[in-house]
Amino acid sequence: MPLVDPLPADHDPEIAELAAFFSTTLGFAPNSVLTMMRRPALARAFTALNRAVMDNQGRVGSELKRLVGHVASRVAGCRYCEAHTIRAAARFGAAEGAAPARLEAVWDFRTSPLFSAAERAALEFAAAAAQVPGAVTPAIAAELRRHWDEGEIVEIAGVVALFGFLNRWNDAMATELEAPAAADGERWLAAQGWQRGKHGGAGG
């Protein structure tokens, strides 16, 4: 069970406004943000950071950003964020014309032909940067710089850092996983051993 229960999405107008924003990206208001709304300033600050990090100003597309978040979340061991990021990657990937098979192959990114050299560099950086202590080597950094400009690297690092916060929040809070995200976790990740674990529902 969660450490702190989320507030209802219609609890008050401010919560409803934030819920509407996340409904456009995930299809529902996440329990993580609804829990943060017990301190509204925190939820507002997080939402503003989320908007800034996910704003694409270079070549780093929406699907790739979610896959970067997914790799970082898996390294960190947050089952909740793994399911959320794969769901968001599926939604944005469909809008961008990306192959759905990329979702199943994301952990084969080093060898899969579904990923470009630039995408491999971003995902390798995510896997290293999400480790504790961090494991970004000069070789990983050099490969990232070979494919992305400085602004794009800031965007990629921003995604890893954003999910570093979310991974700690949701794992520590045992945030209950919403049904749509759980379904996408089962669809795309169960074959790799994913389970809801502490995040509730069947298998929790």
Protein backbone atom coordinates (compact mmCIF):
# COMPACT_ATOMS: atom_id res chain seq x y z
CA MET A 1 0.00 0.00 0.00
CA PRO A 2 1.18 3.56 -0.63
CA LEU A 3 2.93 5.48 2.14
CA VAL A 4 0.66 8.49 1.44
CA ASP A 5 -2.63 8.30 -0.44
CA PRO A 6 -3.06 10.52 -3.52
CA LEU A 7 -5.76 13.16 -3.55
CA PRO A 8 -8.66 12.72 -6.00
CA ALA A 9 -8.07 14.36 -9.40
CA ASP A 10 -11.18 16.50 -8.84
CA HIS A 11 -10.28 17.49 -5.28
CA ASP A 12 -10.04 21.18 -6.16
CA PRO A 13 -9.62 23.35 -9.28
CA GLU A 14 -5.82 23.49 -9.03
CA ILE A 15 -5.50 19.73 -8.87
CA ALA A 16 -7.95 19.39 -11.75
CA GLU A 17 -5.81 21.75 -13.85
CA LEU A 18 -2.63 19.76 -13.22
CA ALA A 19 -4.50 16.52 -13.82
CA ALA A 20 -5.66 17.80 -17.20
CA PHE A 21 -2.05 18.45 -18.26
CA PHE A 22 -0.90 14.93 -17.45
CA SER A 23 -3.99 13.46 -19.07
CA THR A 24 -2.62 14.74 -22.39
CA THR A 25 0.68 12.91 -21.93
CA LEU A 26 -0.32 9.73 -20.09
CA GLY A 27 -4.06 9.59 -20.56
CA PHE A 28 -4.67 9.99 -16.83
CA ALA A 29 -3.48 11.99 -13.82
CA PRO A 30 -0.60 10.07 -12.18
CA ASN A 31 -0.87 9.13 -8.53
CA SER A 32 2.63 10.50 -8.01
CA VAL A 33 1.54 14.06 -8.78
CA LEU A 34 -1.78 13.65 -6.95
CA THR A 35 0.25 12.68 -3.87
CA MET A 36 2.54 15.70 -4.30
CA MET A 37 -0.58 17.88 -4.31
CA ARG A 38 -0.76 17.51 -0.55
CA ARG A 39 1.87 20.25 -0.81
CA PRO A 40 0.67 22.15 -3.90
CA ALA A 41 3.86 24.16 -4.35
CA LEU A 42 5.78 20.92 -4.80
CA ALA A 43 3.33 19.63 -7.41
CA ARG A 44 3.42 22.95 -9.28
CA ALA A 45 7.24 23.02 -9.26
CA PHE A 46 7.46 19.43 -10.43
CA THR A 47 4.96 20.02 -13.23
CA ALA A 48 6.89 23.10 -14.40
CA LEU A 49 10.13 21.09 -14.41
CA ASN A 50 8.41 18.27 -16.30
CA ARG A 51 7.18 20.70 -18.96
CA ALA A 52 10.63 22.24 -19.36
CA VAL A 53 12.47 18.92 -19.57
CA MET A 54 10.03 17.39 -22.06
CA ASP A 55 9.95 20.48 -24.30
CA ASN A 56 11.76 19.44 -27.48
CA GLN A 57 14.01 22.20 -28.77
CA GLY A 58 16.42 20.05 -30.79
CA ARG A 59 16.47 16.61 -32.36
CA VAL A 60 15.69 14.67 -29.19
CA GLY A 61 12.12 13.54 -29.88
CA SER A 62 9.34 12.82 -27.41
CA GLU A 63 9.53 9.05 -27.79
CA LEU A 64 13.30 8.98 -27.29
CA LYS A 65 13.02 11.13 -24.18
CA ARG A 66 10.59 8.61 -22.67
CA LEU A 67 12.91 5.74 -23.61
CA VAL A 68 15.79 7.60 -21.94
CA GLY A 69 13.55 7.91 -18.87
CA HIS A 70 12.69 4.22 -19.12
CA VAL A 71 16.31 3.09 -19.22
CA ALA A 72 17.16 5.36 -16.28
CA SER A 73 14.17 4.07 -14.30
CA ARG A 74 15.03 0.45 -14.92
CA VAL A 75 18.60 1.01 -13.77
CA ALA A 76 17.23 2.72 -10.65
CA GLY A 77 14.77 -0.14 -10.07
CA CYS A 78 11.54 1.88 -10.01
CA ARG A 79 8.78 -0.37 -11.35
CA TYR A 80 6.24 2.46 -11.31
CA CYS A 81 8.37 4.68 -13.55
CA GLU A 82 9.27 1.79 -15.83
CA ALA A 83 5.59 1.29 -16.60
CA HIS A 84 4.89 5.02 -16.97
CA THR A 85 7.78 5.62 -19.35
CA ILE A 86 7.01 2.65 -21.57
CA ARG A 87 3.37 3.79 -21.76
CA ALA A 88 4.39 7.34 -22.67
CA ALA A 89 6.95 6.06 -25.20
CA ALA A 90 4.20 4.00 -26.84
CA ARG A 91 1.86 6.98 -27.02
CA PHE A 92 4.44 9.43 -28.36
CA GLY A 93 6.03 6.80 -30.59
CA ALA A 94 2.71 6.16 -32.29
CA ALA A 95 2.34 9.91 -32.90
CA GLU A 96 5.88 10.14 -34.31
CA GLY A 97 5.59 7.03 -36.48
CA ALA A 98 8.12 4.99 -34.48
CA ALA A 99 8.08 1.20 -34.70
CA PRO A 100 6.29 -0.37 -31.71
CA ALA A 101 8.97 -3.07 -31.67
CA ARG A 102 11.36 -0.47 -30.26
CA LEU A 103 9.53 -0.76 -26.94
CA GLU A 104 10.31 -4.45 -26.65
CA ALA A 105 13.87 -3.99 -27.93
CA VAL A 106 14.85 -1.03 -25.77
CA TRP A 107 17.14 -3.18 -23.60
CA ASP A 108 18.83 -4.48 -26.73
CA PHE A 109 19.55 -0.92 -27.86
CA ARG A 110 23.28 -1.59 -28.11
CA THR A 111 22.78 -4.12 -30.92
CA SER A 112 19.22 -3.65 -32.24
CA PRO A 113 18.95 -2.17 -35.75
CA LEU A 114 15.85 -0.34 -34.52
CA PHE A 115 18.09 2.23 -32.82
CA SER A 116 20.45 4.67 -34.50
CA ALA A 117 23.99 5.33 -33.31
CA ALA A 118 22.82 8.65 -31.84
CA GLU A 119 19.98 6.96 -29.95
CA ARG A 120 22.37 4.30 -28.66
CA ALA A 121 24.64 7.03 -27.33
CA ALA A 122 21.73 8.70 -25.52
CA LEU A 123 20.50 5.44 -24.00
CA GLU A 124 24.00 4.37 -22.98
CA PHE A 125 24.42 7.71 -21.23
CA ALA A 126 21.06 7.22 -19.47
CA ALA A 127 22.05 3.76 -18.24
CA ALA A 128 25.34 5.08 -16.86
CA ALA A 129 24.04 8.36 -15.45
CA ALA A 130 21.23 6.65 -13.51
CA GLN A 131 23.63 4.44 -11.58
CA VAL A 132 24.67 5.29 -8.02
CA PRO A 133 27.43 6.32 -8.02
CA GLY A 134 27.24 7.67 -11.53
CA ALA A 135 29.06 5.69 -14.18
CA VAL A 136 29.40 8.10 -17.11
CA THR A 137 32.88 7.48 -18.47
CA PRO A 138 34.90 9.75 -20.77
CA ALA A 139 34.15 7.31 -23.61
CA ILE A 140 30.37 7.50 -22.99
CA ALA A 141 30.55 11.30 -22.81
CA ALA A 142 32.61 11.49 -26.00
CA GLU A 143 30.12 9.30 -27.89
CA LEU A 144 27.24 11.46 -26.65
CA ARG A 145 29.02 14.62 -27.83
CA ARG A 146 29.70 12.99 -31.20
CA HIS A 147 25.98 12.74 -31.97
CA TRP A 148 24.27 15.54 -30.02
CA ASP A 149 24.93 19.24 -29.57
CA GLU A 150 25.27 20.84 -26.15
CA GLY A 151 21.64 21.91 -25.90
CA GLU A 152 20.44 18.41 -26.80
CA ILE A 153 22.78 16.90 -24.23
CA VAL A 154 21.23 19.20 -21.63
CA GLU A 155 17.79 17.90 -22.65
CA ILE A 156 18.93 14.26 -22.35
CA ALA A 157 20.59 14.86 -18.97
CA GLY A 158 17.47 16.69 -17.85
CA VAL A 159 15.36 13.59 -18.53
CA VAL A 160 17.70 11.39 -16.51
CA ALA A 161 17.69 13.88 -13.63
CA LEU A 162 13.89 14.29 -13.72
CA PHE A 163 13.43 10.55 -13.44
CA GLY A 164 16.04 10.39 -10.72
CA PHE A 165 13.62 12.46 -8.63
CA LEU A 166 10.61 10.40 -9.73
CA ASN A 167 12.36 7.07 -9.15
CA ARG A 168 13.17 7.99 -5.57
CA TRP A 169 9.73 9.49 -4.96
CA ASN A 170 7.68 6.60 -6.30
CA ASP A 171 9.84 3.82 -4.94
CA ALA A 172 9.95 5.33 -1.45
CA MET A 173 6.24 6.22 -1.50
CA ALA A 174 5.23 2.83 -2.97
CA THR A 175 2.96 4.83 -5.27
CA GLU A 176 0.05 2.74 -6.48
CA LEU A 177 0.31 2.03 -10.20
CA GLU A 178 -2.70 3.12 -12.24
CA ALA A 179 -4.53 0.48 -14.28
CA PRO A 180 -3.60 1.83 -17.76
CA ALA A 181 0.10 2.00 -16.89
CA ALA A 182 -0.05 -1.45 -15.30
CA ALA A 183 -1.59 -2.84 -18.49
CA ASP A 184 1.20 -1.35 -20.61
CA GLY A 185 3.79 -2.68 -18.19
CA GLU A 186 2.33 -6.16 -18.59
CA ARG A 187 2.15 -5.76 -22.37
CA TRP A 188 5.64 -4.46 -23.06
CA LEU A 189 7.73 -5.43 -20.03
CA ALA A 190 6.44 -8.64 -18.43
CA ALA A 191 8.51 -10.83 -20.76
CA GLN A 192 11.59 -9.09 -19.32
CA GLY A 193 10.55 -9.94 -15.76
CA TRP A 194 8.69 -6.74 -14.87
CA GLN A 195 6.13 -6.94 -12.04
CA ARG A 196 4.19 -4.27 -10.15
CA GLY A 197 5.81 -5.21 -6.87
CA LYS A 198 5.20 -2.68 -4.11
CA HIS A 199 3.14 -0.52 -6.48
CA GLY A 200 -0.02 -2.53 -5.93
CA GLY A 201 -2.49 -4.58 -7.91
CA ALA A 202 -2.10 -8.15 -9.09
CA GLY A 203 1.39 -9.33 -8.38
CA GLY A 204 1.86 -6.55 -5.82
